[in-house]
PDB file of N, CA and C in Angstrom:
ATOM      1  N   MET A   1      99.004 132.582 -25.241  1.00  0.00           N
ATOM      2  CA  MET A   1      98.625 132.514 -23.857  1.00  0.00           C
ATOM      3  C   MET A   1      99.166 131.227 -23.259  1.00  0.00           C
ATOM      4  N   VAL A   2      99.641 131.316 -22.061  1.00  0.00           N
ATOM      5  CA  VAL A   2     100.125 130.112 -21.396  1.00  0.00           C
ATOM      6  C   VAL A   2      98.960 129.398 -20.744  1.00  0.00           C
ATOM      7  N   ASP A   3      99.187 128.106 -20.474  1.00  0.00           N
ATOM      8  CA  ASP A   3      98.140 127.345 -19.794  1.00  0.00           C
ATOM      9  C   ASP A   3      97.858 127.986 -18.448  1.00  0.00           C
ATOM     10  N   GLY A   4      96.618 128.009 -18.089  1.00  0.00           N
ATOM     11  CA  GLY A   4      96.249 128.594 -16.808  1.00  0.00           C
ATOM     12  C   GLY A   4      94.785 128.362 -16.551  1.00  0.00           C
ATOM     13  N   ASP A   5      94.281 129.119 -15.647  1.00  0.00           N
ATOM     14  CA  ASP A   5      92.890 128.989 -15.262  1.00  0.00           C
ATOM     15  C   ASP A   5      91.990 129.486 -16.385  1.00  0.00           C
ATOM     16  N   LEU A   6      91.098 128.621 -16.867  1.00  0.00           N
ATOM     17  CA  LEU A   6      90.186 128.991 -17.952  1.00  0.00           C
ATOM     18  C   LEU A   6      89.318 130.173 -17.549  1.00  0.00           C
ATOM     19  N   GLY A   7      88.883 130.198 -16.305  1.00  0.00           N
ATOM     20  CA  GLY A   7      88.061 131.307 -15.822  1.00  0.00           C
ATOM     21  C   GLY A   7      88.783 132.635 -15.925  1.00  0.00           C
ATOM     22  N   GLU A   8      90.095 132.619 -15.668  1.00  0.00           N
ATOM     23  CA  GLU A   8      90.889 133.842 -15.775  1.00  0.00           C
ATOM     24  C   GLU A   8      90.935 134.324 -17.220  1.00  0.00           C
ATOM     25  N   HIS A   9      91.138 133.394 -18.156  1.00  0.00           N
ATOM     26  CA  HIS A   9      91.180 133.756 -19.574  1.00  0.00           C
ATOM     27  C   HIS A   9      89.833 134.293 -20.034  1.00  0.00           C
ATOM     28  N   VAL A  10      88.757 133.655 -19.580  1.00  0.00           N
ATOM     29  CA  VAL A  10      87.418 134.129 -19.936  1.00  0.00           C
ATOM     30  C   VAL A  10      87.209 135.526 -19.375  1.00  0.00           C
ATOM     31  N   GLY A  11      87.650 135.750 -18.148  1.00  0.00           N
ATOM     32  CA  GLY A  11      87.529 137.077 -17.536  1.00  0.00           C
ATOM     33  C   GLY A  11      88.267 138.137 -18.323  1.00  0.00           C
ATOM     34  N   ILE A  12      89.458 137.809 -18.799  1.00  0.00           N
ATOM     35  CA  ILE A  12      90.230 138.757 -19.609  1.00  0.00           C
ATOM     36  C   ILE A  12      89.486 139.076 -20.897  1.00  0.00           C
ATOM     37  N   LEU A  13      88.963 138.041 -21.563  1.00  0.00           N
ATOM     38  CA  LEU A  13      88.200 138.276 -22.792  1.00  0.00           C
ATOM     39  C   LEU A  13      86.964 139.116 -22.525  1.00  0.00           C
ATOM     40  N   GLU A  14      86.285 138.851 -21.417  1.00  0.00           N
ATOM     41  CA  GLU A  14      85.104 139.645 -21.090  1.00  0.00           C
ATOM     42  C   GLU A  14      85.476 141.101 -20.869  1.00  0.00           C
ATOM     43  N   ASP A  15      86.621 141.352 -20.222  1.00  0.00           N
ATOM     44  CA  ASP A  15      87.078 142.724 -20.025  1.00  0.00           C
ATOM     45  C   ASP A  15      87.366 143.399 -21.354  1.00  0.00           C
ATOM     46  N   LEU A  16      87.957 142.645 -22.282  1.00  0.00           N
ATOM     47  CA  LEU A  16      88.340 143.223 -23.567  1.00  0.00           C
ATOM     48  C   LEU A  16      87.153 143.467 -24.486  1.00  0.00           C
ATOM     49  N   ILE A  17      86.234 142.520 -24.556  1.00  0.00           N
ATOM     50  CA  ILE A  17      85.153 142.647 -25.539  1.00  0.00           C
ATOM     51  C   ILE A  17      83.776 142.703 -24.912  1.00  0.00           C
ATOM     52  N   GLY A  18      83.712 142.710 -23.607  1.00  0.00           N
ATOM     53  CA  GLY A  18      82.428 142.814 -22.937  1.00  0.00           C
ATOM     54  C   GLY A  18      81.832 141.454 -22.643  1.00  0.00           C
ATOM     55  N   ALA A  19      81.216 141.370 -21.504  1.00  0.00           N
ATOM     56  CA  ALA A  19      80.573 140.118 -21.115  1.00  0.00           C
ATOM     57  C   ALA A  19      79.346 139.885 -21.978  1.00  0.00           C
ATOM     58  N   PRO A  20      79.030 138.631 -22.262  1.00  0.00           N
ATOM     59  CA  PRO A  20      77.849 138.360 -23.083  1.00  0.00           C
ATOM     60  C   PRO A  20      76.570 138.745 -22.353  1.00  0.00           C
ATOM     61  N   ALA A  21      75.562 139.066 -23.112  1.00  0.00           N
ATOM     62  CA  ALA A  21      74.270 139.417 -22.535  1.00  0.00           C
ATOM     63  C   ALA A  21      73.692 138.207 -21.812  1.00  0.00           C
ATOM     64  N   HIS A  22      72.895 138.469 -20.803  1.00  0.00           N
ATOM     65  CA  HIS A  22      72.324 137.379 -20.008  1.00  0.00           C
ATOM     66  C   HIS A  22      71.414 136.485 -20.835  1.00  0.00           C
ATOM     67  N   GLU A  23      70.798 137.037 -21.876  1.00  0.00           N
ATOM     68  CA  GLU A  23      69.891 136.226 -22.688  1.00  0.00           C
ATOM     69  C   GLU A  23      70.633 135.250 -23.598  1.00  0.00           C
ATOM     70  N   ALA A  24      71.953 135.373 -23.688  1.00  0.00           N
ATOM     71  CA  ALA A  24      72.736 134.451 -24.513  1.00  0.00           C
ATOM     72  C   ALA A  24      73.093 133.243 -23.654  1.00  0.00           C
ATOM     73  N   GLY A  25      72.323 132.203 -23.789  1.00  0.00           N
ATOM     74  CA  GLY A  25      72.510 131.048 -22.928  1.00  0.00           C
ATOM     75  C   GLY A  25      73.525 130.055 -23.439  1.00  0.00           C
ATOM     76  N   THR A  26      73.569 129.833 -24.729  1.00  0.00           N
ATOM     77  CA  THR A  26      74.475 128.818 -25.260  1.00  0.00           C
ATOM     78  C   THR A  26      75.805 129.442 -25.643  1.00  0.00           C
ATOM     79  N   LEU A  27      76.805 128.606 -25.738  1.00  0.00           N
ATOM     80  CA  LEU A  27      78.117 129.095 -26.165  1.00  0.00           C
ATOM     81  C   LEU A  27      78.053 129.675 -27.569  1.00  0.00           C
ATOM     82  N   ALA A  28      77.246 129.075 -28.436  1.00  0.00           N
ATOM     83  CA  ALA A  28      77.119 129.586 -29.806  1.00  0.00           C
ATOM     84  C   ALA A  28      76.527 130.990 -29.796  1.00  0.00           C
ATOM     85  N   GLU A  29      75.518 131.218 -28.959  1.00  0.00           N
ATOM     86  CA  GLU A  29      74.920 132.552 -28.876  1.00  0.00           C
ATOM     87  C   GLU A  29      75.922 133.555 -28.313  1.00  0.00           C
ATOM     88  N   GLN A  30      76.676 133.128 -27.300  1.00  0.00           N
ATOM     89  CA  GLN A  30      77.690 134.009 -26.728  1.00  0.00           C
ATOM     90  C   GLN A  30      78.767 134.324 -27.757  1.00  0.00           C
ATOM     91  N   ALA A  31      79.189 133.317 -28.515  1.00  0.00           N
ATOM     92  CA  ALA A  31      80.204 133.531 -29.550  1.00  0.00           C
ATOM     93  C   ALA A  31      79.698 134.505 -30.604  1.00  0.00           C
ATOM     94  N   GLU A  32      78.434 134.389 -30.957  1.00  0.00           N
ATOM     95  CA  GLU A  32      77.856 135.299 -31.947  1.00  0.00           C
ATOM     96  C   GLU A  32      77.850 136.734 -31.425  1.00  0.00           C
ATOM     97  N   LEU A  33      77.484 136.906 -30.156  1.00  0.00           N
ATOM     98  CA  LEU A  33      77.501 138.246 -29.566  1.00  0.00           C
ATOM     99  C   LEU A  33      78.915 138.799 -29.508  1.00  0.00           C
ATOM    100  N   HIS A  34      79.878 137.950 -29.125  1.00  0.00           N
ATOM    101  CA  HIS A  34      81.269 138.397 -29.080  1.00  0.00           C
ATOM    102  C   HIS A  34      81.762 138.754 -30.480  1.00  0.00           C
ATOM    103  N   SER A  35      81.400 137.976 -31.468  1.00  0.00           N
ATOM    104  CA  SER A  35      81.811 138.264 -32.845  1.00  0.00           C
ATOM    105  C   SER A  35      81.280 139.616 -33.291  1.00  0.00           C
ATOM    106  N   ALA A  36      80.027 139.888 -32.973  1.00  0.00           N
ATOM    107  CA  ALA A  36      79.443 141.180 -33.338  1.00  0.00           C
ATOM    108  C   ALA A  36      80.179 142.310 -32.636  1.00  0.00           C
ATOM    109  N   ARG A  37      80.537 142.111 -31.373  1.00  0.00           N
ATOM    110  CA  ARG A  37      81.258 143.145 -30.617  1.00  0.00           C
ATOM    111  C   ARG A  37      82.653 143.349 -31.204  1.00  0.00           C
ATOM    112  N   ILE A  38      83.311 142.269 -31.587  1.00  0.00           N
ATOM    113  CA  ILE A  38      84.641 142.389 -32.192  1.00  0.00           C
ATOM    114  C   ILE A  38      84.563 143.174 -33.498  1.00  0.00           C
ATOM    115  N   VAL A  39      83.529 142.945 -34.290  1.00  0.00           N
ATOM    116  CA  VAL A  39      83.340 143.701 -35.534  1.00  0.00           C
ATOM    117  C   VAL A  39      83.168 145.183 -35.218  1.00  0.00           C
ATOM    118  N   GLU A  40      82.386 145.504 -34.182  1.00  0.00           N
ATOM    119  CA  GLU A  40      82.197 146.902 -33.787  1.00  0.00           C
ATOM    120  C   GLU A  40      83.517 147.536 -33.362  1.00  0.00           C
ATOM    121  N   ILE A  41      84.300 146.794 -32.563  1.00  0.00           N
ATOM    122  CA  ILE A  41      85.594 147.308 -32.109  1.00  0.00           C
ATOM    123  C   ILE A  41      86.526 147.521 -33.295  1.00  0.00           C
ATOM    124  N   HIS A  42      86.547 146.580 -34.228  1.00  0.00           N
ATOM    125  CA  HIS A  42      87.393 146.706 -35.416  1.00  0.00           C
ATOM    126  C   HIS A  42      87.018 147.944 -36.222  1.00  0.00           C
ATOM    127  N   LYS A  43      85.727 148.189 -36.407  1.00  0.00           N
ATOM    128  CA  LYS A  43      85.276 149.363 -37.149  1.00  0.00           C
ATOM    129  C   LYS A  43      85.681 150.640 -36.422  1.00  0.00           C
ATOM    130  N   LEU A  44      85.533 150.655 -35.100  1.00  0.00           N
ATOM    131  CA  LEU A  44      85.918 151.823 -34.310  1.00  0.00           C
ATOM    132  C   LEU A  44      87.409 152.101 -34.454  1.00  0.00           C
ATOM    133  N   ILE A  45      88.224 151.048 -34.382  1.00  0.00           N
ATOM    134  CA  ILE A  45      89.670 151.216 -34.532  1.00  0.00           C
ATOM    135  C   ILE A  45      90.000 151.727 -35.931  1.00  0.00           C
ATOM    136  N   SER A  46      89.366 151.167 -36.951  1.00  0.00           N
ATOM    137  CA  SER A  46      89.612 151.608 -38.329  1.00  0.00           C
ATOM    138  C   SER A  46      89.230 153.070 -38.509  1.00  0.00           C
ATOM    139  N   ASP A  47      88.082 153.461 -37.958  1.00  0.00           N
ATOM    140  CA  ASP A  47      87.651 154.856 -38.050  1.00  0.00           C
ATOM    141  C   ASP A  47      88.642 155.775 -37.347  1.00  0.00           C
ATOM    142  N   ASN A  48      89.122 155.355 -36.173  1.00  0.00           N
ATOM    143  CA  ASN A  48      90.084 156.172 -35.439  1.00  0.00           C
ATOM    144  C   ASN A  48      91.405 156.281 -36.192  1.00  0.00           C
ATOM    145  N   GLN A  49      91.841 155.183 -36.824  1.00  0.00           N
ATOM    146  CA  GLN A  49      93.078 155.233 -37.598  1.00  0.00           C
ATOM    147  C   GLN A  49      92.934 156.193 -38.773  1.00  0.00           C
ATOM    148  N   LYS A  50      91.792 156.147 -39.456  1.00  0.00           N
ATOM    149  CA  LYS A  50      91.561 157.051 -40.576  1.00  0.00           C
ATOM    150  C   LYS A  50      91.565 158.493 -40.090  1.00  0.00           C
ATOM    151  N   ASP A  51      90.935 158.748 -38.953  1.00  0.00           N
ATOM    152  CA  ASP A  51      90.904 160.093 -38.393  1.00  0.00           C
ATOM    153  C   ASP A  51      92.315 160.568 -38.057  1.00  0.00           C
ATOM    154  N   MET A  52      93.148 159.683 -37.484  1.00  0.00           N
ATOM    155  CA  MET A  52      94.516 160.066 -37.148  1.00  0.00           C
ATOM    156  C   MET A  52      95.322 160.365 -38.405  1.00  0.00           C
ATOM    157  N   VAL A  53      95.144 159.580 -39.455  1.00  0.00           N
ATOM    158  CA  VAL A  53      95.855 159.825 -40.712  1.00  0.00           C
ATOM    159  C   VAL A  53      95.416 161.162 -41.305  1.00  0.00           C
ATOM    160  N   ASP A  54      94.125 161.438 -41.278  1.00  0.00           N
ATOM    161  CA  ASP A  54      93.621 162.715 -41.789  1.00  0.00           C
ATOM    162  C   ASP A  54      94.191 163.887 -40.993  1.00  0.00           C
ATOM    163  N   ARG A  55      94.233 163.749 -39.670  1.00  0.00           N
ATOM    164  CA  ARG A  55      94.772 164.828 -38.829  1.00  0.00           C
ATOM    165  C   ARG A  55      96.262 165.015 -39.083  1.00  0.00           C
ATOM    166  N   TYR A  56      97.003 163.909 -39.246  1.00  0.00           N
ATOM    167  CA  TYR A  56      98.423 163.994 -39.552  1.00  0.00           C
ATOM    168  C   TYR A  56      98.630 164.716 -40.876  1.00  0.00           C
ATOM    169  N   HIS A  57      97.828 164.366 -41.874  1.00  0.00           N
ATOM    170  CA  HIS A  57      97.932 165.001 -43.185  1.00  0.00           C
ATOM    171  C   HIS A  57      97.653 166.501 -43.074  1.00  0.00           C
ATOM    172  N   ASP A  58      96.637 166.883 -42.321  1.00  0.00           N
ATOM    173  CA  ASP A  58      96.328 168.302 -42.132  1.00  0.00           C
ATOM    174  C   ASP A  58      97.485 169.037 -41.463  1.00  0.00           C
ATOM    175  N   CYS A  59      98.065 168.421 -40.425  1.00  0.00           N
ATOM    176  CA  CYS A  59      99.203 169.047 -39.736  1.00  0.00           C
ATOM    177  C   CYS A  59     100.400 169.183 -40.667  1.00  0.00           C
ATOM    178  N   LEU A  60     100.644 168.166 -41.467  1.00  0.00           N
ATOM    179  CA  LEU A  60     101.756 168.214 -42.413  1.00  0.00           C
ATOM    180  C   LEU A  60     101.559 169.339 -43.420  1.00  0.00           C
ATOM    181  N   GLN A  61     100.340 169.497 -43.922  1.00  0.00           N
ATOM    182  CA  GLN A  61     100.053 170.578 -44.865  1.00  0.00           C
ATOM    183  C   GLN A  61     100.278 171.943 -44.212  1.00  0.00           C
ATOM    184  N   GLN A  62      99.890 172.084 -42.954  1.00  0.00           N
ATOM    185  CA  GLN A  62     100.110 173.345 -42.246  1.00  0.00           C
ATOM    186  C   GLN A  62     101.599 173.617 -42.070  1.00  0.00           C
ATOM    187  N   LEU A  63     102.364 172.581 -41.722  1.00  0.00           N
ATOM    188  CA  LEU A  63     103.812 172.753 -41.570  1.00  0.00           C
ATOM    189  C   LEU A  63     104.473 173.123 -42.888  1.00  0.00           C
ATOM    190  N   LEU A  64     104.046 172.503 -43.972  1.00  0.00           N
ATOM    191  CA  LEU A  64     104.611 172.840 -45.280  1.00  0.00           C
ATOM    192  C   LEU A  64     104.270 174.271 -45.671  1.00  0.00           C
ATOM    193  N   ALA A  65     103.074 174.721 -45.341  1.00  0.00           N
ATOM    194  CA  ALA A  65     102.684 176.103 -45.637  1.00  0.00           C
ATOM    195  C   ALA A  65     103.536 177.080 -44.836  1.00  0.00           C
ATOM    196  N   ILE A  66     103.821 176.751 -43.587  1.00  0.00           N
ATOM    197  CA  ILE A  66     104.681 177.610 -42.765  1.00  0.00           C
ATOM    198  C   ILE A  66     106.097 177.598 -43.311  1.00  0.00           C
ATOM    199  N   ALA A  67     106.598 176.434 -43.694  1.00  0.00           N
ATOM    200  CA  ALA A  67     107.964 176.319 -44.208  1.00  0.00           C
ATOM    201  C   ALA A  67     108.153 177.139 -45.479  1.00  0.00           C
ATOM    202  N   GLU A  68     107.108 177.267 -46.284  1.00  0.00           N
ATOM    203  CA  GLU A  68     107.215 178.071 -47.506  1.00  0.00           C
ATOM    204  C   GLU A  68     107.410 179.546 -47.195  1.00  0.00           C
ATOM    205  N   ARG A  69     106.960 179.993 -46.036  1.00  0.00           N
ATOM    206  CA  ARG A  69     107.076 181.411 -45.682  1.00  0.00           C
ATOM    207  C   ARG A  69     108.379 181.737 -44.963  1.00  0.00           C
ATOM    208  N   VAL A  70     109.116 180.714 -44.540  1.00  0.00           N
ATOM    209  CA  VAL A  70     110.367 180.937 -43.821  1.00  0.00           C
ATOM    210  C   VAL A  70     111.456 181.263 -44.828  1.00  0.00           C
ATOM    211  N   GLU A  71     112.209 182.310 -44.530  1.00  0.00           N
ATOM    212  CA  GLU A  71     113.326 182.682 -45.399  1.00  0.00           C
ATOM    213  C   GLU A  71     114.611 182.156 -44.775  1.00  0.00           C
ATOM    214  N   PHE A  72     115.281 181.283 -45.496  1.00  0.00           N
ATOM    215  CA  PHE A  72     116.532 180.727 -45.022  1.00  0.00           C
ATOM    216  C   PHE A  72     117.679 181.559 -45.582  1.00  0.00           C
ATOM    217  N   PRO A  73     118.749 181.744 -44.796  1.00  0.00           N
ATOM    218  CA  PRO A  73     119.890 182.512 -45.306  1.00  0.00           C
ATOM    219  C   PRO A  73     120.575 181.771 -46.452  1.00  0.00           C
ATOM    220  N   ARG A  74     121.099 182.559 -47.373  1.00  0.00           N
ATOM    221  CA  ARG A  74     121.837 181.972 -48.487  1.00  0.00           C
ATOM    222  C   ARG A  74     123.287 181.783 -48.066  1.00  0.00           C
ATOM    223  N   ILE A  75     123.974 180.877 -48.734  1.00  0.00           N
ATOM    224  CA  ILE A  75     125.380 180.616 -48.413  1.00  0.00           C
ATOM    225  C   ILE A  75     126.203 181.882 -48.609  1.00  0.00           C
ATOM    226  N   GLU A  76     125.857 182.661 -49.609  1.00  0.00           N
ATOM    227  CA  GLU A  76     126.610 183.889 -49.879  1.00  0.00           C
ATOM    228  C   GLU A  76     126.516 184.875 -48.721  1.00  0.00           C
ATOM    229  N   ASP A  77     125.460 184.801 -47.941  1.00  0.00           N
ATOM    230  CA  ASP A  77     125.291 185.727 -46.824  1.00  0.00           C
ATOM    231  C   ASP A  77     126.289 185.461 -45.705  1.00  0.00           C
ATOM    232  N   PHE A  78     126.935 184.287 -45.690  1.00  0.00           N
ATOM    233  CA  PHE A  78     127.889 183.958 -44.640  1.00  0.00           C
ATOM    234  C   PHE A  78     129.320 184.316 -45.031  1.00  0.00           C
ATOM    235  N   GLY A  79     129.544 184.655 -46.254  1.00  0.00           N
ATOM    236  CA  GLY A  79     130.892 184.853 -46.742  1.00  0.00           C
ATOM    237  C   GLY A  79     131.386 186.192 -46.593  1.00  0.00           C
TER     238      GLY A  79
END
């Protein structure tokens, strides 16, 4: 990040990970809340990645099953 307005950077972080709860008065409490939110986001991303890999694997298996049923012409058939 380039030097700039600290408020702008804080605003961007709040947009990305959510603004701290009003009951979090100190910076340490806010950091703890943000850390917990980051852990939640990381878990969500990991779960989504696993789901995408599983779906890709399922699609690949379906394509391989279809490919096994396709009859390709033999070279001798062109001669």
